[in-house]
Each structure stands twice: as structure tokens, then as C-alpha cells.
PDB file of N, CA and C in Angstrom:
ATOM      1  N   MET A   1     -23.809   3.304  32.657  1.00  0.00           N
ATOM      2  CA  MET A   1     -24.055   3.469  31.292  1.00  0.00           C
ATOM      3  C   MET A   1     -25.408   2.432  30.823  1.00  0.00           C
ATOM      4  N   ASN A   2     -26.223   3.094  29.486  1.00  0.00           N
ATOM      5  CA  ASN A   2     -27.250   2.329  29.158  1.00  0.00           C
ATOM      6  C   ASN A   2     -26.942   1.377  28.230  1.00  0.00           C
ATOM      7  N   VAL A   3     -26.833   0.268  28.193  1.00  0.00           N
ATOM      8  CA  VAL A   3     -26.866  -1.139  27.816  1.00  0.00           C
ATOM      9  C   VAL A   3     -27.116  -0.929  26.329  1.00  0.00           C
ATOM     10  N   LYS A   4     -28.110  -0.287  25.646  1.00  0.00           N
ATOM     11  CA  LYS A   4     -28.592   0.160  24.684  1.00  0.00           C
ATOM     12  C   LYS A   4     -27.546   1.342  23.640  1.00  0.00           C
ATOM     13  N   GLU A   5     -26.667   1.712  24.745  1.00  0.00           N
ATOM     14  CA  GLU A   5     -25.625   2.941  23.943  1.00  0.00           C
ATOM     15  C   GLU A   5     -23.890   2.155  23.988  1.00  0.00           C
ATOM     16  N   MET A   6     -23.805   1.003  24.624  1.00  0.00           N
ATOM     17  CA  MET A   6     -22.738   0.286  24.668  1.00  0.00           C
ATOM     18  C   MET A   6     -22.200  -0.617  23.074  1.00  0.00           C
ATOM     19  N   SER A   7     -21.041  -0.229  23.382  1.00  0.00           N
ATOM     20  CA  SER A   7     -20.616  -0.787  21.713  1.00  0.00           C
ATOM     21  C   SER A   7     -20.508  -2.445  22.135  1.00  0.00           C
ATOM     22  N   ASN A   8     -20.274  -3.074  20.512  1.00  0.00           N
ATOM     23  CA  ASN A   8     -19.819  -4.908  20.596  1.00  0.00           C
ATOM     24  C   ASN A   8     -19.173  -4.985  21.559  1.00  0.00           C
ATOM     25  N   GLU A   9     -17.702  -4.316  21.495  1.00  0.00           N
ATOM     26  CA  GLU A   9     -16.862  -4.739  22.393  1.00  0.00           C
ATOM     27  C   GLU A   9     -17.076  -4.654  23.872  1.00  0.00           C
ATOM     28  N   GLU A  10     -17.849  -3.314  24.272  1.00  0.00           N
ATOM     29  CA  GLU A  10     -18.107  -3.358  25.571  1.00  0.00           C
ATOM     30  C   GLU A  10     -19.344  -4.356  25.909  1.00  0.00           C
ATOM     31  N   LEU A  11     -20.109  -4.905  25.316  1.00  0.00           N
ATOM     32  CA  LEU A  11     -21.355  -5.679  25.430  1.00  0.00           C
ATOM     33  C   LEU A  11     -20.381  -7.047  25.754  1.00  0.00           C
ATOM     34  N   VAL A  12     -19.672  -7.373  25.101  1.00  0.00           N
ATOM     35  CA  VAL A  12     -18.899  -8.402  25.037  1.00  0.00           C
ATOM     36  C   VAL A  12     -17.952  -8.697  26.186  1.00  0.00           C
ATOM     37  N   ASP A  13     -17.310  -7.883  26.278  1.00  0.00           N
ATOM     38  CA  ASP A  13     -16.471  -7.804  27.770  1.00  0.00           C
ATOM     39  C   ASP A  13     -17.304  -7.846  28.865  1.00  0.00           C
ATOM     40  N   ALA A  14     -18.679  -6.721  29.525  1.00  0.00           N
ATOM     41  CA  ALA A  14     -19.073  -7.230  30.469  1.00  0.00           C
ATOM     42  C   ALA A  14     -19.760  -8.321  30.473  1.00  0.00           C
ATOM     43  N   LEU A  15     -20.011  -8.784  29.267  1.00  0.00           N
ATOM     44  CA  LEU A  15     -20.434 -10.104  29.191  1.00  0.00           C
ATOM     45  C   LEU A  15     -19.306 -11.713  29.992  1.00  0.00           C
ATOM     46  N   PHE A  16     -18.814 -11.484  29.067  1.00  0.00           N
ATOM     47  CA  PHE A  16     -17.513 -12.090  29.799  1.00  0.00           C
ATOM     48  C   PHE A  16     -16.236 -12.044  30.354  1.00  0.00           C
ATOM     49  N   GLY A  17     -16.082 -10.954  30.895  1.00  0.00           N
ATOM     50  CA  GLY A  17     -14.880 -10.049  31.407  1.00  0.00           C
ATOM     51  C   GLY A  17     -14.736 -10.517  32.953  1.00  0.00           C
ATOM     52  N   GLY A  18     -15.563 -10.971  33.520  1.00  0.00           N
ATOM     53  CA  GLY A  18     -15.448 -11.375  35.122  1.00  0.00           C
ATOM     54  C   GLY A  18     -15.215 -12.998  34.662  1.00  0.00           C
ATOM     55  N   PHE A  19     -16.233 -13.166  33.929  1.00  0.00           N
ATOM     56  CA  PHE A  19     -15.856 -15.268  33.712  1.00  0.00           C
ATOM     57  C   PHE A  19     -13.992 -15.225  33.492  1.00  0.00           C
ATOM     58  N   GLN A  20     -13.749 -14.541  32.111  1.00  0.00           N
ATOM     59  CA  GLN A  20     -12.355 -14.978  32.068  1.00  0.00           C
ATOM     60  C   GLN A  20     -11.178 -14.392  33.391  1.00  0.00           C
ATOM     61  N   GLN A  21     -12.018 -13.811  33.908  1.00  0.00           N
ATOM     62  CA  GLN A  21     -10.676 -13.706  35.140  1.00  0.00           C
ATOM     63  C   GLN A  21     -10.818 -14.945  36.216  1.00  0.00           C
ATOM     64  N   ASP A  22     -12.237 -15.067  36.482  1.00  0.00           N
ATOM     65  CA  ASP A  22     -12.056 -16.110  37.137  1.00  0.00           C
ATOM     66  C   ASP A  22     -11.907 -17.804  37.035  1.00  0.00           C
ATOM     67  N   SER A  23     -11.409 -18.090  35.917  1.00  0.00           N
ATOM     68  CA  SER A  23     -11.645 -19.069  35.228  1.00  0.00           C
ATOM     69  C   SER A  23     -10.349 -20.180  34.992  1.00  0.00           C
ATOM     70  N   ASP A  24     -10.436 -21.376  35.313  1.00  0.00           N
ATOM     71  CA  ASP A  24      -9.090 -22.290  35.020  1.00  0.00           C
ATOM     72  C   ASP A  24      -8.907 -21.909  33.116  1.00  0.00           C
ATOM     73  N   ALA A  25      -7.702 -22.486  33.007  1.00  0.00           N
ATOM     74  CA  ALA A  25      -7.441 -22.036  31.602  1.00  0.00           C
ATOM     75  C   ALA A  25      -8.343 -22.527  30.572  1.00  0.00           C
ATOM     76  N   ASP A  26      -8.489 -23.769  30.770  1.00  0.00           N
ATOM     77  CA  ASP A  26      -9.870 -24.278  29.842  1.00  0.00           C
ATOM     78  C   ASP A  26     -11.065 -23.355  29.563  1.00  0.00           C
ATOM     79  N   GLU A  27     -11.600 -23.089  30.554  1.00  0.00           N
ATOM     80  CA  GLU A  27     -12.877 -22.089  30.721  1.00  0.00           C
ATOM     81  C   GLU A  27     -12.540 -20.385  30.033  1.00  0.00           C
ATOM     82  N   SER A  28     -11.263 -20.410  30.492  1.00  0.00           N
ATOM     83  CA  SER A  28     -10.701 -18.853  29.719  1.00  0.00           C
ATOM     84  C   SER A  28     -10.637 -19.045  28.611  1.00  0.00           C
ATOM     85  N   ARG A  29     -10.023 -20.112  27.999  1.00  0.00           N
ATOM     86  CA  ARG A  29     -10.178 -20.008  26.426  1.00  0.00           C
ATOM     87  C   ARG A  29     -11.298 -20.318  25.668  1.00  0.00           C
ATOM     88  N   LEU A  30     -11.892 -21.223  26.465  1.00  0.00           N
ATOM     89  CA  LEU A  30     -13.680 -21.437  25.754  1.00  0.00           C
ATOM     90  C   LEU A  30     -14.440 -19.656  25.757  1.00  0.00           C
ATOM     91  N   ALA A  31     -14.401 -19.098  26.988  1.00  0.00           N
ATOM     92  CA  ALA A  31     -14.831 -17.550  27.226  1.00  0.00           C
ATOM     93  C   ALA A  31     -14.077 -16.585  26.014  1.00  0.00           C
ATOM     94  N   ASN A  32     -13.089 -16.669  25.592  1.00  0.00           N
ATOM     95  CA  ASN A  32     -12.587 -16.074  25.085  1.00  0.00           C
ATOM     96  C   ASN A  32     -12.998 -16.423  23.888  1.00  0.00           C
ATOM     97  N   GLU A  33     -12.976 -17.640  23.344  1.00  0.00           N
ATOM     98  CA  GLU A  33     -13.409 -18.062  21.751  1.00  0.00           C
ATOM     99  C   GLU A  33     -14.644 -17.551  21.890  1.00  0.00           C
ATOM    100  N   LEU A  34     -15.341 -17.685  22.829  1.00  0.00           N
ATOM    101  CA  LEU A  34     -17.036 -17.426  22.662  1.00  0.00           C
ATOM    102  C   LEU A  34     -17.366 -16.148  22.120  1.00  0.00           C
ATOM    103  N   SER A  35     -16.172 -15.352  22.642  1.00  0.00           N
ATOM    104  CA  SER A  35     -16.556 -13.493  22.909  1.00  0.00           C
ATOM    105  C   SER A  35     -15.789 -12.941  21.296  1.00  0.00           C
ATOM    106  N   ASN A  36     -15.161 -13.700  21.007  1.00  0.00           N
ATOM    107  CA  ASN A  36     -14.613 -13.423  19.752  1.00  0.00           C
ATOM    108  C   ASN A  36     -15.136 -13.863  18.596  1.00  0.00           C
ATOM    109  N   GLU A  37     -16.343 -15.244  18.979  1.00  0.00           N
ATOM    110  CA  GLU A  37     -17.029 -15.134  17.829  1.00  0.00           C
ATOM    111  C   GLU A  37     -18.613 -14.489  18.119  1.00  0.00           C
ATOM    112  N   ILE A  38     -18.659 -14.353  19.035  1.00  0.00           N
ATOM    113  CA  ILE A  38     -20.135 -13.163  19.143  1.00  0.00           C
ATOM    114  C   ILE A  38     -19.643 -11.734  19.028  1.00  0.00           C
ATOM    115  N   LEU A  39     -18.382 -11.434  19.203  1.00  0.00           N
ATOM    116  CA  LEU A  39     -18.302 -10.240  18.547  1.00  0.00           C
ATOM    117  C   LEU A  39     -17.920 -10.023  16.857  1.00  0.00           C
ATOM    118  N   ARG A  40     -17.337 -11.250  16.206  1.00  0.00           N
ATOM    119  CA  ARG A  40     -17.249 -11.551  14.861  1.00  0.00           C
ATOM    120  C   ARG A  40     -18.803 -11.588  13.711  1.00  0.00           C
ATOM    121  N   ARG A  41     -19.554 -12.472  14.703  1.00  0.00           N
ATOM    122  CA  ARG A  41     -21.316 -11.905  14.136  1.00  0.00           C
ATOM    123  C   ARG A  41     -21.544 -10.663  14.187  1.00  0.00           C
ATOM    124  N   LEU A  42     -21.586 -10.115  15.593  1.00  0.00           N
ATOM    125  CA  LEU A  42     -21.876  -9.000  15.952  1.00  0.00           C
ATOM    126  C   LEU A  42     -21.243  -7.624  14.577  1.00  0.00           C
ATOM    127  N   THR A  43     -20.171  -8.014  14.478  1.00  0.00           N
ATOM    128  CA  THR A  43     -19.203  -6.825  13.869  1.00  0.00           C
ATOM    129  C   THR A  43     -19.913  -6.825  12.379  1.00  0.00           C
ATOM    130  N   ALA A  44     -20.188  -8.455  11.736  1.00  0.00           N
ATOM    131  CA  ALA A  44     -20.758  -8.818  10.329  1.00  0.00           C
ATOM    132  C   ALA A  44     -21.813  -7.830  10.350  1.00  0.00           C
ATOM    133  N   LEU A  45     -22.722  -7.365  11.011  1.00  0.00           N
ATOM    134  CA  LEU A  45     -23.649  -6.931  10.614  1.00  0.00           C
ATOM    135  C   LEU A  45     -23.465  -5.203  10.350  1.00  0.00           C
ATOM    136  N   GLU A  46     -22.278  -4.863  10.845  1.00  0.00           N
ATOM    137  CA  GLU A  46     -22.200  -3.229  10.861  1.00  0.00           C
ATOM    138  C   GLU A  46     -21.192  -3.024   9.714  1.00  0.00           C
ATOM    139  N   TRP A  47     -21.250  -1.581   9.483  1.00  0.00           N
ATOM    140  CA  TRP A  47     -20.882  -0.800   8.376  1.00  0.00           C
ATOM    141  C   TRP A  47     -19.736  -0.432   9.068  1.00  0.00           C
ATOM    142  N   ILE A  48     -18.558  -0.251   8.689  1.00  0.00           N
ATOM    143  CA  ILE A  48     -16.611  -0.055   9.234  1.00  0.00           C
ATOM    144  C   ILE A  48     -16.611   1.127   8.472  1.00  0.00           C
ATOM    145  N   SER A  49     -16.579   2.085   9.007  1.00  0.00           N
ATOM    146  CA  SER A  49     -15.536   3.034   8.273  1.00  0.00           C
ATOM    147  C   SER A  49     -14.502   3.165   7.786  1.00  0.00           C
ATOM    148  N   THR A  50     -14.038   3.050   6.746  1.00  0.00           N
ATOM    149  CA  THR A  50     -12.409   3.022   5.953  1.00  0.00           C
ATOM    150  C   THR A  50     -11.572   4.098   6.899  1.00  0.00           C
ATOM    151  N   SER A  51     -11.975   5.243   7.475  1.00  0.00           N
ATOM    152  CA  SER A  51     -11.615   6.431   8.599  1.00  0.00           C
ATOM    153  C   SER A  51     -11.194   5.833   9.620  1.00  0.00           C
ATOM    154  N   GLU A  52     -11.997   4.507  10.295  1.00  0.00           N
ATOM    155  CA  GLU A  52     -11.741   3.865  11.245  1.00  0.00           C
ATOM    156  C   GLU A  52     -10.489   2.614  10.896  1.00  0.00           C
ATOM    157  N   ARG A  53     -10.787   2.019  10.234  1.00  0.00           N
ATOM    158  CA  ARG A  53      -9.913   0.611   9.707  1.00  0.00           C
ATOM    159  C   ARG A  53     -10.247   0.161   8.306  1.00  0.00           C
ATOM    160  N   TYR A  54      -9.528  -0.486   8.114  1.00  0.00           N
ATOM    161  CA  TYR A  54      -9.299  -1.305   6.658  1.00  0.00           C
ATOM    162  C   TYR A  54      -9.881  -2.796   7.123  1.00  0.00           C
ATOM    163  N   PRO A  55     -10.453  -3.724   6.323  1.00  0.00           N
ATOM    164  CA  PRO A  55     -10.554  -5.267   6.612  1.00  0.00           C
ATOM    165  C   PRO A  55      -9.261  -5.687   6.346  1.00  0.00           C
ATOM    166  N   GLU A  56      -9.251  -6.832   6.895  1.00  0.00           N
ATOM    167  CA  GLU A  56      -7.898  -8.163   6.756  1.00  0.00           C
ATOM    168  C   GLU A  56      -7.857  -8.270   5.177  1.00  0.00           C
ATOM    169  N   GLU A  57      -6.389  -8.136   4.882  1.00  0.00           N
ATOM    170  CA  GLU A  57      -6.003  -8.165   3.142  1.00  0.00           C
ATOM    171  C   GLU A  57      -6.359  -9.381   2.970  1.00  0.00           C
ATOM    172  N   ASN A  58      -6.774  -9.246   1.552  1.00  0.00           N
ATOM    173  CA  ASN A  58      -7.086 -10.488   1.013  1.00  0.00           C
ATOM    174  C   ASN A  58      -8.595 -11.238   1.005  1.00  0.00           C
ATOM    175  N   VAL A  59      -9.281 -10.336   1.955  1.00  0.00           N
ATOM    176  CA  VAL A  59     -10.695 -11.390   2.499  1.00  0.00           C
ATOM    177  C   VAL A  59     -11.608 -10.171   1.982  1.00  0.00           C
ATOM    178  N   PRO A  60     -12.751 -11.097   1.217  1.00  0.00           N
ATOM    179  CA  PRO A  60     -14.166 -10.412   0.574  1.00  0.00           C
ATOM    180  C   PRO A  60     -14.703 -10.027   1.857  1.00  0.00           C
ATOM    181  N   VAL A  61     -15.193  -8.938   1.206  1.00  0.00           N
ATOM    182  CA  VAL A  61     -15.870  -7.895   2.160  1.00  0.00           C
ATOM    183  C   VAL A  61     -16.909  -7.059   1.274  1.00  0.00           C
ATOM    184  N   LEU A  62     -17.950  -6.674   1.837  1.00  0.00           N
ATOM    185  CA  LEU A  62     -19.231  -5.504   0.928  1.00  0.00           C
ATOM    186  C   LEU A  62     -18.535  -4.113   1.306  1.00  0.00           C
ATOM    187  N   ALA A  63     -18.145  -3.635   0.266  1.00  0.00           N
ATOM    188  CA  ALA A  63     -17.743  -2.426   0.212  1.00  0.00           C
ATOM    189  C   ALA A  63     -18.562  -1.323  -0.531  1.00  0.00           C
ATOM    190  N   CYS A  64     -18.702  -0.363   0.118  1.00  0.00           N
ATOM    191  CA  CYS A  64     -19.717   0.828  -0.155  1.00  0.00           C
ATOM    192  C   CYS A  64     -18.616   1.958  -0.961  1.00  0.00           C
ATOM    193  N   THR A  65     -19.102   2.473  -2.116  1.00  0.00           N
ATOM    194  CA  THR A  65     -18.539   3.772  -2.194  1.00  0.00           C
ATOM    195  C   THR A  65     -19.322   5.255  -2.071  1.00  0.00           C
ATOM    196  N   LYS A  66     -18.576   6.056  -1.917  1.00  0.00           N
ATOM    197  CA  LYS A  66     -18.938   7.838  -1.428  1.00  0.00           C
ATOM    198  C   LYS A  66     -20.492   7.683  -2.419  1.00  0.00           C
ATOM    199  N   GLU A  67     -20.440   7.309  -3.425  1.00  0.00           N
ATOM    200  CA  GLU A  67     -21.882   7.425  -4.060  1.00  0.00           C
ATOM    201  C   GLU A  67     -22.686   6.652  -3.752  1.00  0.00           C
ATOM    202  N   GLY A  68     -22.751   5.432  -2.714  1.00  0.00           N
ATOM    203  CA  GLY A  68     -23.513   4.753  -2.197  1.00  0.00           C
ATOM    204  C   GLY A  68     -23.565   3.080  -3.153  1.00  0.00           C
ATOM    205  N   TRP A  69     -22.219   3.155  -4.344  1.00  0.00           N
ATOM    206  CA  TRP A  69     -22.218   2.269  -4.952  1.00  0.00           C
ATOM    207  C   TRP A  69     -21.685   0.663  -4.082  1.00  0.00           C
ATOM    208  N   ILE A  70     -22.318  -0.152  -3.950  1.00  0.00           N
ATOM    209  CA  ILE A  70     -22.014  -1.419  -2.831  1.00  0.00           C
ATOM    210  C   ILE A  70     -21.694  -2.660  -3.939  1.00  0.00           C
ATOM    211  N   THR A  71     -20.339  -3.306  -3.691  1.00  0.00           N
ATOM    212  CA  THR A  71     -19.685  -4.340  -4.429  1.00  0.00           C
ATOM    213  C   THR A  71     -19.334  -5.138  -3.552  1.00  0.00           C
ATOM    214  N   ALA A  72     -18.877  -6.646  -3.765  1.00  0.00           N
ATOM    215  CA  ALA A  72     -17.807  -7.365  -3.343  1.00  0.00           C
ATOM    216  C   ALA A  72     -16.118  -6.820  -3.669  1.00  0.00           C
ATOM    217  N   ALA A  73     -15.482  -7.059  -2.656  1.00  0.00           N
ATOM    218  CA  ALA A  73     -14.290  -6.156  -2.865  1.00  0.00           C
ATOM    219  C   ALA A  73     -13.472  -6.790  -1.920  1.00  0.00           C
ATOM    220  N   LYS A  74     -12.125  -6.865  -2.092  1.00  0.00           N
ATOM    221  CA  LYS A  74     -11.004  -7.026  -0.902  1.00  0.00           C
ATOM    222  C   LYS A  74      -9.746  -5.785  -1.353  1.00  0.00           C
ATOM    223  N   TYR A  75      -9.592  -5.930   0.236  1.00  0.00           N
ATOM    224  CA  TYR A  75      -8.567  -4.625   0.474  1.00  0.00           C
ATOM    225  C   TYR A  75      -7.102  -5.373   0.065  1.00  0.00           C
ATOM    226  N   VAL A  76      -6.188  -5.168  -0.742  1.00  0.00           N
ATOM    227  CA  VAL A  76      -4.999  -6.021  -0.845  1.00  0.00           C
ATOM    228  C   VAL A  76      -3.494  -5.280  -1.217  1.00  0.00           C
ATOM    229  N   TYR A  77      -2.863  -5.622  -0.652  1.00  0.00           N
ATOM    230  CA  TYR A  77      -1.084  -5.100  -1.043  1.00  0.00           C
ATOM    231  C   TYR A  77      -0.565  -5.822  -2.399  1.00  0.00           C
ATOM    232  N   GLU A  78      -0.680  -4.632  -3.601  1.00  0.00           N
ATOM    233  CA  GLU A  78      -0.076  -4.916  -4.458  1.00  0.00           C
ATOM    234  C   GLU A  78       0.761  -3.498  -5.229  1.00  0.00           C
ATOM    235  N   ASP A  79       1.836  -3.513  -4.856  1.00  0.00           N
ATOM    236  CA  ASP A  79       2.689  -2.513  -5.164  1.00  0.00           C
ATOM    237  C   ASP A  79       1.503  -0.754  -4.830  1.00  0.00           C
ATOM    238  N   GLY A  80       1.484  -1.221  -3.324  1.00  0.00           N
ATOM    239  CA  GLY A  80       0.539  -0.223  -2.653  1.00  0.00           C
ATOM    240  C   GLY A  80      -0.526  -0.811  -2.094  1.00  0.00           C
ATOM    241  N   TRP A  81      -1.350  -0.289  -1.193  1.00  0.00           N
ATOM    242  CA  TRP A  81      -2.749  -0.972  -0.742  1.00  0.00           C
ATOM    243  C   TRP A  81      -3.761  -0.145  -1.408  1.00  0.00           C
ATOM    244  N   HIS A  82      -4.439  -0.646  -1.841  1.00  0.00           N
ATOM    245  CA  HIS A  82      -5.868  -0.729  -2.818  1.00  0.00           C
ATOM    246  C   HIS A  82      -7.010  -1.927  -2.478  1.00  0.00           C
ATOM    247  N   TRP A  83      -7.904  -1.035  -3.297  1.00  0.00           N
ATOM    248  CA  TRP A  83      -9.171  -1.802  -3.404  1.00  0.00           C
ATOM    249  C   TRP A  83      -9.151  -2.509  -4.621  1.00  0.00           C
ATOM    250  N   GLU A  84      -9.920  -3.882  -4.570  1.00  0.00           N
ATOM    251  CA  GLU A  84      -9.832  -4.891  -5.590  1.00  0.00           C
ATOM    252  C   GLU A  84     -11.410  -5.216  -5.927  1.00  0.00           C
ATOM    253  N   GLN A  85     -11.894  -5.150  -6.939  1.00  0.00           N
ATOM    254  CA  GLN A  85     -13.465  -5.698  -6.516  1.00  0.00           C
ATOM    255  C   GLN A  85     -13.655  -6.627  -7.535  1.00  0.00           C
ATOM    256  N   LEU A  86     -14.660  -7.143  -7.096  1.00  0.00           N
ATOM    257  CA  LEU A  86     -15.042  -8.888  -8.127  1.00  0.00           C
ATOM    258  C   LEU A  86     -15.707  -8.196  -9.151  1.00  0.00           C
ATOM    259  N   SER A  87     -15.153  -8.962  -9.997  1.00  0.00           N
ATOM    260  CA  SER A  87     -16.092  -9.221 -11.405  1.00  0.00           C
ATOM    261  C   SER A  87     -17.111  -9.452 -11.511  1.00  0.00           C
ATOM    262  N   PHE A  88     -18.403  -8.826 -12.133  1.00  0.00           N
ATOM    263  CA  PHE A  88     -19.463  -9.065 -12.254  1.00  0.00           C
ATOM    264  C   PHE A  88     -19.789 -10.620 -12.535  1.00  0.00           C
ATOM    265  N   GLY A  89     -20.523 -11.453 -11.844  1.00  0.00           N
ATOM    266  CA  GLY A  89     -20.780 -12.649 -11.773  1.00  0.00           C
ATOM    267  C   GLY A  89     -19.550 -13.785 -11.402  1.00  0.00           C
ATOM    268  N   GLY A  90     -18.598 -13.199 -11.152  1.00  0.00           N
ATOM    269  CA  GLY A  90     -17.574 -13.942 -10.090  1.00  0.00           C
ATOM    270  C   GLY A  90     -17.390 -14.618  -8.890  1.00  0.00           C
ATOM    271  N   TYR A  91     -16.581 -15.731  -8.879  1.00  0.00           N
ATOM    272  CA  TYR A  91     -16.864 -16.288  -7.429  1.00  0.00           C
ATOM    273  C   TYR A  91     -15.974 -15.649  -6.864  1.00  0.00           C
ATOM    274  N   LEU A  92     -16.296 -15.694  -5.309  1.00  0.00           N
ATOM    275  CA  LEU A  92     -15.446 -14.910  -4.481  1.00  0.00           C
ATOM    276  C   LEU A  92     -14.222 -15.350  -3.898  1.00  0.00           C
ATOM    277  N   ASP A  93     -14.009 -16.778  -4.117  1.00  0.00           N
ATOM    278  CA  ASP A  93     -12.736 -17.213  -3.747  1.00  0.00           C
ATOM    279  C   ASP A  93     -11.663 -17.491  -5.029  1.00  0.00           C
ATOM    280  N   VAL A  94     -12.076 -17.218  -6.227  1.00  0.00           N
ATOM    281  CA  VAL A  94     -11.164 -17.255  -7.103  1.00  0.00           C
ATOM    282  C   VAL A  94     -10.671 -15.815  -7.430  1.00  0.00           C
ATOM    283  N   PRO A  95      -9.190 -15.621  -7.039  1.00  0.00           N
ATOM    284  CA  PRO A  95      -8.266 -15.223  -7.218  1.00  0.00           C
ATOM    285  C   PRO A  95      -8.576 -13.843  -8.387  1.00  0.00           C
ATOM    286  N   SER A  96      -8.534 -14.324  -9.732  1.00  0.00           N
ATOM    287  CA  SER A  96      -8.343 -13.746 -10.856  1.00  0.00           C
ATOM    288  C   SER A  96      -9.948 -13.375 -11.369  1.00  0.00           C
ATOM    289  N   ASN A  97     -10.777 -13.310 -10.283  1.00  0.00           N
ATOM    290  CA  ASN A  97     -12.280 -12.643 -10.469  1.00  0.00           C
ATOM    291  C   ASN A  97     -11.998 -11.298 -10.051  1.00  0.00           C
ATOM    292  N   TYR A  98     -11.027 -10.937  -9.431  1.00  0.00           N
ATOM    293  CA  TYR A  98     -10.964  -9.846  -8.838  1.00  0.00           C
ATOM    294  C   TYR A  98     -10.247  -8.446  -9.490  1.00  0.00           C
ATOM    295  N   GLU A  99     -10.375  -7.454  -9.379  1.00  0.00           N
ATOM    296  CA  GLU A  99      -9.717  -6.274 -10.799  1.00  0.00           C
ATOM    297  C   GLU A  99      -9.588  -5.175  -9.628  1.00  0.00           C
ATOM    298  N   TRP A 100      -8.143  -4.777  -9.848  1.00  0.00           N
ATOM    299  CA  TRP A 100      -7.985  -3.329  -9.390  1.00  0.00           C
ATOM    300  C   TRP A 100      -8.966  -2.384  -9.645  1.00  0.00           C
ATOM    301  N   ASP A 101      -9.488  -1.571  -8.641  1.00  0.00           N
ATOM    302  CA  ASP A 101     -10.414  -0.536  -8.290  1.00  0.00           C
ATOM    303  C   ASP A 101      -9.945   0.747  -8.042  1.00  0.00           C
ATOM    304  N   ASP A 102      -9.364   1.677  -8.986  1.00  0.00           N
ATOM    305  CA  ASP A 102      -9.282   2.969  -8.232  1.00  0.00           C
ATOM    306  C   ASP A 102     -10.128   3.916  -8.955  1.00  0.00           C
ATOM    307  N   ASP A 103     -11.287   3.825  -9.606  1.00  0.00           N
ATOM    308  CA  ASP A 103     -12.184   4.720 -10.046  1.00  0.00           C
ATOM    309  C   ASP A 103     -12.958   5.416  -8.651  1.00  0.00           C
ATOM    310  N   TYR A 104     -13.580   4.410  -7.579  1.00  0.00           N
ATOM    311  CA  TYR A 104     -14.025   4.837  -6.797  1.00  0.00           C
ATOM    312  C   TYR A 104     -13.283   5.075  -5.503  1.00  0.00           C
ATOM    313  N   GLU A 105     -13.983   5.655  -4.447  1.00  0.00           N
ATOM    314  CA  GLU A 105     -13.519   6.121  -3.147  1.00  0.00           C
ATOM    315  C   GLU A 105     -14.562   5.160  -2.183  1.00  0.00           C
ATOM    316  N   TYR A 106     -13.803   4.538  -1.489  1.00  0.00           N
ATOM    317  CA  TYR A 106     -14.801   3.265  -0.652  1.00  0.00           C
ATOM    318  C   TYR A 106     -14.676   3.952   0.491  1.00  0.00           C
ATOM    319  N   THR A 107     -15.738   4.042   1.068  1.00  0.00           N
ATOM    320  CA  THR A 107     -15.519   4.808   2.450  1.00  0.00           C
ATOM    321  C   THR A 107     -15.949   3.791   3.498  1.00  0.00           C
ATOM    322  N   HIS A 108     -16.846   2.880   3.270  1.00  0.00           N
ATOM    323  CA  HIS A 108     -17.381   2.071   4.258  1.00  0.00           C
ATOM    324  C   HIS A 108     -17.316   0.486   3.790  1.00  0.00           C
ATOM    325  N   TRP A 109     -17.173  -0.286   4.650  1.00  0.00           N
ATOM    326  CA  TRP A 109     -16.953  -2.313   4.339  1.00  0.00           C
ATOM    327  C   TRP A 109     -17.780  -2.777   5.473  1.00  0.00           C
ATOM    328  N   ARG A 110     -17.773  -3.972   5.016  1.00  0.00           N
ATOM    329  CA  ARG A 110     -18.424  -4.719   6.247  1.00  0.00           C
ATOM    330  C   ARG A 110     -18.576  -6.227   5.903  1.00  0.00           C
ATOM    331  N   TYR A 111     -18.100  -7.098   6.671  1.00  0.00           N
ATOM    332  CA  TYR A 111     -18.340  -8.524   6.148  1.00  0.00           C
ATOM    333  C   TYR A 111     -19.336  -9.224   5.638  1.00  0.00           C
ATOM    334  N   LEU A 112     -18.651 -10.020   4.977  1.00  0.00           N
ATOM    335  CA  LEU A 112     -19.889 -10.925   3.887  1.00  0.00           C
ATOM    336  C   LEU A 112     -20.899 -11.404   5.317  1.00  0.00           C
ATOM    337  N   PRO A 113     -21.848 -12.125   4.998  1.00  0.00           N
ATOM    338  CA  PRO A 113     -22.974 -12.821   5.727  1.00  0.00           C
ATOM    339  C   PRO A 113     -22.541 -13.911   5.486  1.00  0.00           C
ATOM    340  N   ALA A 114     -22.612 -15.172   6.631  1.00  0.00           N
ATOM    341  CA  ALA A 114     -22.245 -16.309   5.957  1.00  0.00           C
ATOM    342  C   ALA A 114     -23.369 -17.119   5.104  1.00  0.00           C
ATOM    343  N   PRO A 115     -22.672 -17.825   4.443  1.00  0.00           N
ATOM    344  CA  PRO A 115     -23.907 -18.462   3.359  1.00  0.00           C
ATOM    345  C   PRO A 115     -25.351 -19.282   4.300  1.00  0.00           C
ATOM    346  N   PRO A 116     -25.631 -19.654   3.356  1.00  0.00           N
ATOM    347  CA  PRO A 116     -26.962 -20.336   4.125  1.00  0.00           C
ATOM    348  C   PRO A 116     -26.334 -21.672   3.924  1.00  0.00           C
ATOM    349  N   GLN A 117     -27.287 -22.674   4.920  1.00  0.00           N
ATOM    350  CA  GLN A 117     -26.676 -23.633   5.345  1.00  0.00           C
ATOM    351  C   GLN A 117     -27.974 -24.683   4.999  1.00  0.00           C
ATOM    352  N   GLU A 118     -27.707 -25.730   4.531  1.00  0.00           N
ATOM    353  CA  GLU A 118     -28.498 -26.749   4.110  1.00  0.00           C
ATOM    354  C   GLU A 118     -29.276 -27.092   5.530  1.00  0.00           C
ATOM    355  N   GLU A 119     -30.886 -27.431   5.428  1.00  0.00           N
ATOM    356  CA  GLU A 119     -31.287 -28.114   6.092  1.00  0.00           C
ATOM    357  C   GLU A 119     -31.308 -29.515   6.577  1.00  0.00           C
TER     358      GLU A 119
END
């Protein structure tokens, strides 16, 4: 298989798969942590279709509607599963800044990038 055609999961498995099998417990744990972190970072760069899966509950993500509108939102369970959109100008980590949003059909989502770090 061409490396450029491999999924993120296949790349990480190819990179760390053999290392994990031939290692002691500490090295195996470290390889597992490394592969999970690499996969998390790679996945953060991709749009994920809601037909494939939804984000973890209450995790702020970027969500895109079928009209192409992008907003910060969370997928939550409250009287059933639904999206809650971040109120304009609200902080991501304040639960009261989110509002129930059934007006739009969200088709894709992606993890938020890490905030900038001070040097």
C-alpha cells in the first residue's frame, strides 16, 4: 500500500505496532501513549463526518452545518442527544455559554486546535 493512501490509524499502527509487541511493559505503555497522542493530533486536523461518529460528550469542537456555517459547539445528552452551539463571544469552558441548537443540521466536526503557547 502507498503510504500516502494510509489512514492515520494505519500509519500509527505501522510505526508503533511492532515496537509495542516486542517491548517490556514500560516501553509498551510509552509506545501506546505516543501513538495515542500522535493519532489525536492528526485527527484534530481532519473534519469527521457525523455519519462516521460524533465527538465525545461535552467536548468543545468546531462543527460545520450542511450550509457550510462553522461554529464552536458541543454534542450533549439532555433529554436526548443534540448539539449545543457556543453563544457569540462566549468562553469555551463555561457551560452556560452554550445554547441548544436544533436549527441546523451539523454534518462534520473537528477537534479544536491547541491554544497558542507563550514563549
